[in-house]
């Protein structure tokens, strides 16, 4: 089922940055909802070194066709050189909720 909606995952260094990004995305109607969770521990390789970081994660719900604008807005607000911005298609769910995502991001 193609719902036309996606969930976008973003990680960021502080809760303040997470909430700032979330508020901009919802206020600008680029996302219907952004959930902020954390802290989490991320372990990754960056520039040849193993890193461990305390981060916060955002999960944004939006329309698939709004993804390019949402991605660019996150890049503009994000403190990292290469932020995590990944999108996963929403292949099903409560029809009323999916309608709400589409309406709030129109």
N, C-alpha and C. Protein backbone atom coordinates (compact mmCIF):
# COMPACT_ATOMS: atom_id res chain seq x y z
N UNK A 1 0.84 -1.18 0.00
CA UNK A 1 0.00 0.00 0.00
C UNK A 1 0.89 1.24 0.00
N UNK A 2 0.69 2.12 -0.94
CA UNK A 2 1.44 3.38 -0.99
C UNK A 2 0.62 4.47 -0.32
N UNK A 3 1.08 4.89 0.86
CA UNK A 3 0.34 5.91 1.61
C UNK A 3 0.77 7.32 1.25
N UNK A 4 1.95 7.45 0.61
CA UNK A 4 2.49 8.77 0.31
C UNK A 4 3.10 9.44 1.52
N UNK A 5 3.25 8.69 2.61
CA UNK A 5 3.81 9.24 3.86
C UNK A 5 5.11 8.54 4.21
N UNK A 6 5.97 9.25 4.94
CA UNK A 6 7.24 8.69 5.40
C UNK A 6 7.49 9.10 6.85
N UNK A 7 8.32 8.29 7.51
CA UNK A 7 8.88 8.65 8.82
C UNK A 7 10.35 8.99 8.59
N UNK A 8 10.77 10.11 9.13
CA UNK A 8 12.14 10.57 8.96
C UNK A 8 12.83 10.53 10.32
N UNK A 9 14.00 9.91 10.36
CA UNK A 9 14.78 9.79 11.59
C UNK A 9 15.98 10.71 11.51
N UNK A 10 16.19 11.47 12.59
CA UNK A 10 17.30 12.41 12.68
C UNK A 10 17.89 12.28 14.08
N UNK A 11 19.21 12.30 14.18
CA UNK A 11 19.85 12.35 15.50
C UNK A 11 20.59 13.67 15.62
N UNK A 12 20.66 14.16 16.86
CA UNK A 12 21.25 15.47 17.12
C UNK A 12 21.90 15.46 18.50
N UNK A 13 22.80 16.39 18.76
CA UNK A 13 23.65 16.37 19.95
C UNK A 13 22.97 16.76 21.26
N UNK A 14 21.98 17.63 21.24
CA UNK A 14 21.36 18.07 22.50
C UNK A 14 19.84 18.05 22.39
N UNK A 15 19.20 17.99 23.54
CA UNK A 15 17.74 18.05 23.56
C UNK A 15 17.26 19.41 23.05
N UNK A 16 18.01 20.46 23.34
CA UNK A 16 17.64 21.79 22.88
C UNK A 16 17.64 21.87 21.36
N UNK A 17 18.69 21.32 20.72
CA UNK A 17 18.72 21.29 19.26
C UNK A 17 17.56 20.46 18.71
N UNK A 18 17.29 19.32 19.36
CA UNK A 18 16.20 18.45 18.91
C UNK A 18 14.87 19.18 18.96
N UNK A 19 14.60 19.86 20.05
CA UNK A 19 13.32 20.56 20.17
C UNK A 19 13.23 21.74 19.22
N UNK A 20 14.34 22.43 19.01
CA UNK A 20 14.35 23.55 18.08
C UNK A 20 14.02 23.08 16.66
N UNK A 21 14.68 22.01 16.22
CA UNK A 21 14.42 21.46 14.89
C UNK A 21 12.97 20.99 14.80
N UNK A 22 12.50 20.27 15.81
CA UNK A 22 11.13 19.75 15.80
C UNK A 22 10.12 20.88 15.69
N UNK A 23 10.29 21.92 16.45
CA UNK A 23 9.34 23.04 16.43
C UNK A 23 9.32 23.73 15.06
N UNK A 24 10.50 23.92 14.46
CA UNK A 24 10.54 24.52 13.12
C UNK A 24 9.81 23.66 12.10
N UNK A 25 10.05 22.35 12.14
CA UNK A 25 9.44 21.46 11.14
C UNK A 25 7.93 21.45 11.24
N UNK A 26 7.41 21.44 12.46
CA UNK A 26 5.95 21.43 12.64
C UNK A 26 5.38 22.81 12.32
N UNK A 27 6.02 23.87 12.82
CA UNK A 27 5.53 25.22 12.58
C UNK A 27 5.49 25.56 11.09
N UNK A 28 6.47 25.08 10.35
CA UNK A 28 6.55 25.35 8.92
C UNK A 28 5.77 24.33 8.07
N UNK A 29 5.05 23.44 8.75
CA UNK A 29 4.20 22.43 8.11
C UNK A 29 4.99 21.46 7.23
N UNK A 30 6.27 21.30 7.56
CA UNK A 30 7.08 20.30 6.86
C UNK A 30 6.89 18.92 7.48
N UNK A 31 6.42 18.87 8.72
CA UNK A 31 6.11 17.62 9.41
C UNK A 31 4.81 17.82 10.18
N UNK A 32 4.00 16.77 10.22
CA UNK A 32 2.76 16.83 11.00
C UNK A 32 3.06 16.67 12.48
N UNK A 33 4.07 15.88 12.78
CA UNK A 33 4.43 15.56 14.16
C UNK A 33 5.91 15.20 14.18
N UNK A 34 6.59 15.61 15.24
CA UNK A 34 7.98 15.19 15.45
C UNK A 34 8.10 14.72 16.89
N UNK A 35 8.48 13.49 17.07
CA UNK A 35 8.70 12.95 18.41
C UNK A 35 10.18 13.08 18.74
N UNK A 36 10.47 13.52 19.96
CA UNK A 36 11.85 13.68 20.43
C UNK A 36 12.08 12.65 21.54
N UNK A 37 13.10 11.84 21.37
CA UNK A 37 13.42 10.82 22.36
C UNK A 37 14.89 10.87 22.73
N UNK A 38 15.18 10.33 23.88
CA UNK A 38 16.57 10.25 24.31
C UNK A 38 16.70 10.62 25.77
N UNK A 39 17.91 10.63 26.21
CA UNK A 39 19.12 10.46 25.42
C UNK A 39 19.34 9.01 24.99
N UNK A 40 20.05 8.88 23.88
CA UNK A 40 20.48 7.59 23.37
C UNK A 40 22.00 7.61 23.26
N UNK A 41 22.59 6.45 23.13
CA UNK A 41 24.02 6.36 22.90
C UNK A 41 24.25 5.87 21.47
N UNK A 42 24.99 6.64 20.70
CA UNK A 42 25.33 6.25 19.33
C UNK A 42 26.80 5.88 19.28
N UNK A 43 27.08 4.76 18.65
CA UNK A 43 28.45 4.30 18.44
C UNK A 43 28.65 4.19 16.94
N UNK A 44 29.65 4.87 16.42
CA UNK A 44 29.83 4.95 14.98
C UNK A 44 31.29 5.27 14.65
N UNK A 45 31.64 5.10 13.39
CA UNK A 45 32.96 5.46 12.91
C UNK A 45 32.84 6.78 12.17
N UNK A 46 33.71 7.74 12.51
CA UNK A 46 33.71 9.05 11.85
C UNK A 46 35.15 9.46 11.60
N UNK A 47 35.47 9.72 10.35
CA UNK A 47 36.80 10.13 9.94
C UNK A 47 37.87 9.17 10.46
N UNK A 48 37.57 7.88 10.32
CA UNK A 48 38.52 6.83 10.66
C UNK A 48 38.61 6.48 12.14
N UNK A 49 37.85 7.12 12.98
CA UNK A 49 37.91 6.88 14.43
C UNK A 49 36.57 6.36 14.94
N UNK A 50 36.64 5.45 15.92
CA UNK A 50 35.43 4.97 16.59
C UNK A 50 34.97 6.05 17.56
N UNK A 51 33.71 6.41 17.49
CA UNK A 51 33.15 7.47 18.32
C UNK A 51 31.98 6.94 19.13
N UNK A 52 31.77 7.51 20.29
CA UNK A 52 30.59 7.26 21.11
C UNK A 52 30.02 8.61 21.48
N UNK A 53 28.73 8.80 21.25
CA UNK A 53 28.12 10.10 21.52
C UNK A 53 26.76 9.93 22.19
N UNK A 54 26.45 10.85 23.06
CA UNK A 54 25.11 10.96 23.65
C UNK A 54 24.31 11.85 22.70
N UNK A 55 23.17 11.33 22.23
CA UNK A 55 22.37 12.06 21.26
C UNK A 55 20.89 11.97 21.61
N UNK A 56 20.11 12.76 20.88
CA UNK A 56 18.66 12.70 20.94
C UNK A 56 18.17 12.37 19.55
N UNK A 57 17.06 11.66 19.47
CA UNK A 57 16.54 11.23 18.18
C UNK A 57 15.18 11.88 17.92
N UNK A 58 15.00 12.30 16.68
CA UNK A 58 13.73 12.86 16.25
C UNK A 58 13.11 11.89 15.24
N UNK A 59 11.81 11.70 15.34
CA UNK A 59 11.07 10.91 14.36
C UNK A 59 9.96 11.81 13.84
N UNK A 60 10.09 12.22 12.59
CA UNK A 60 9.14 13.14 11.97
C UNK A 60 8.25 12.39 10.99
N UNK A 61 6.97 12.73 11.00
CA UNK A 61 6.02 12.16 10.05
C UNK A 61 5.63 13.23 9.03
N UNK A 62 5.76 12.88 7.75
CA UNK A 62 5.47 13.85 6.69
C UNK A 62 5.02 13.12 5.43
N UNK A 63 4.70 13.90 4.41
CA UNK A 63 4.40 13.36 3.09
C UNK A 63 5.71 13.06 2.36
N UNK A 64 5.68 12.05 1.54
CA UNK A 64 6.87 11.68 0.76
C UNK A 64 7.33 12.83 -0.14
N UNK A 65 6.39 13.55 -0.74
CA UNK A 65 6.78 14.64 -1.64
C UNK A 65 7.29 15.88 -0.90
N UNK A 66 7.13 15.93 0.42
CA UNK A 66 7.68 17.03 1.23
C UNK A 66 9.09 16.72 1.72
N UNK A 67 9.56 15.50 1.47
CA UNK A 67 10.87 15.07 1.98
C UNK A 67 12.03 15.95 1.54
N UNK A 68 12.13 16.36 0.29
CA UNK A 68 13.26 17.22 -0.09
C UNK A 68 13.29 18.54 0.69
N UNK A 69 12.16 19.19 0.85
CA UNK A 69 12.11 20.46 1.60
C UNK A 69 12.42 20.23 3.07
N UNK A 70 11.89 19.15 3.64
CA UNK A 70 12.17 18.82 5.04
C UNK A 70 13.66 18.55 5.23
N UNK A 71 14.25 17.80 4.33
CA UNK A 71 15.68 17.48 4.41
C UNK A 71 16.52 18.75 4.37
N UNK A 72 16.22 19.64 3.46
CA UNK A 72 16.99 20.89 3.35
C UNK A 72 16.83 21.76 4.59
N UNK A 73 15.63 21.78 5.17
CA UNK A 73 15.41 22.58 6.38
C UNK A 73 16.19 22.00 7.55
N UNK A 74 16.20 20.68 7.68
CA UNK A 74 16.98 20.05 8.76
C UNK A 74 18.45 20.39 8.58
N UNK A 75 18.97 20.26 7.36
CA UNK A 75 20.39 20.58 7.11
C UNK A 75 20.71 22.01 7.52
N UNK A 76 19.81 22.93 7.26
CA UNK A 76 20.05 24.34 7.60
C UNK A 76 20.06 24.57 9.11
N UNK A 77 19.29 23.77 9.85
CA UNK A 77 19.18 23.95 11.30
C UNK A 77 20.15 23.09 12.10
N UNK A 78 20.68 22.05 11.48
CA UNK A 78 21.44 21.01 12.19
C UNK A 78 22.89 21.42 12.42
N UNK A 79 23.43 21.13 13.62
CA UNK A 79 24.81 21.51 13.91
C UNK A 79 25.88 20.58 13.31
N UNK A 80 25.52 19.39 12.84
CA UNK A 80 26.51 18.43 12.33
C UNK A 80 26.87 18.74 10.88
N UNK A 81 28.09 18.38 10.49
CA UNK A 81 28.51 18.49 9.09
C UNK A 81 27.70 17.55 8.20
N UNK A 82 27.50 16.33 8.68
CA UNK A 82 26.75 15.31 7.93
C UNK A 82 25.71 14.71 8.88
N UNK A 83 24.55 15.34 8.98
CA UNK A 83 23.54 14.82 9.90
C UNK A 83 22.87 13.55 9.38
N UNK A 84 22.45 12.72 10.32
CA UNK A 84 21.62 11.57 9.96
C UNK A 84 20.24 12.10 9.57
N UNK A 85 19.85 11.84 8.35
CA UNK A 85 18.50 12.13 7.89
C UNK A 85 18.11 10.95 7.02
N UNK A 86 17.32 10.04 7.57
CA UNK A 86 16.89 8.86 6.82
C UNK A 86 15.38 8.81 6.80
N UNK A 87 14.82 8.32 5.70
CA UNK A 87 13.37 8.24 5.56
C UNK A 87 12.96 6.80 5.30
N UNK A 88 11.87 6.41 5.95
CA UNK A 88 11.31 5.07 5.80
C UNK A 88 9.86 5.23 5.34
N UNK A 89 9.49 4.58 4.25
CA UNK A 89 8.10 4.68 3.80
C UNK A 89 7.14 4.13 4.85
N UNK A 90 6.03 4.78 5.02
CA UNK A 90 4.94 4.25 5.85
C UNK A 90 4.04 3.47 4.90
N UNK A 91 4.05 2.17 5.05
CA UNK A 91 3.34 1.31 4.10
C UNK A 91 1.92 0.97 4.54
N UNK A 92 1.55 1.39 5.73
CA UNK A 92 0.21 1.13 6.22
C UNK A 92 0.01 1.85 7.53
N UNK A 93 -1.20 1.78 8.03
CA UNK A 93 -1.52 2.41 9.30
C UNK A 93 -2.97 2.84 9.32
N UNK A 94 -3.36 3.46 10.39
CA UNK A 94 -4.71 3.95 10.55
C UNK A 94 -4.99 5.03 9.51
N UNK A 95 -6.00 4.83 8.69
CA UNK A 95 -6.30 5.76 7.60
C UNK A 95 -6.51 7.18 8.10
N UNK A 96 -7.20 7.35 9.23
CA UNK A 96 -7.43 8.69 9.76
C UNK A 96 -6.13 9.38 10.15
N UNK A 97 -5.18 8.62 10.70
CA UNK A 97 -3.88 9.19 11.07
C UNK A 97 -3.10 9.60 9.82
N UNK A 98 -3.09 8.77 8.83
CA UNK A 98 -2.39 9.07 7.58
C UNK A 98 -3.01 10.28 6.90
N UNK A 99 -4.34 10.37 6.93
CA UNK A 99 -5.02 11.56 6.40
C UNK A 99 -4.59 12.81 7.15
N UNK A 100 -4.44 12.69 8.47
CA UNK A 100 -4.01 13.81 9.31
C UNK A 100 -2.60 14.27 8.93
N UNK A 101 -1.68 13.32 8.72
CA UNK A 101 -0.32 13.68 8.29
C UNK A 101 -0.40 14.48 6.99
N UNK A 102 -1.14 13.98 6.04
CA UNK A 102 -1.24 14.66 4.74
C UNK A 102 -1.88 16.05 4.89
N UNK A 103 -2.90 16.17 5.72
CA UNK A 103 -3.57 17.47 5.91
C UNK A 103 -2.67 18.47 6.61
N UNK A 104 -1.92 18.04 7.61
CA UNK A 104 -1.08 18.95 8.39
C UNK A 104 0.17 19.40 7.64
N UNK A 105 0.51 18.70 6.57
CA UNK A 105 1.71 19.06 5.82
C UNK A 105 1.37 19.61 4.44
N UNK A 106 0.10 19.93 4.22
CA UNK A 106 -0.34 20.44 2.92
C UNK A 106 -0.01 21.91 2.79
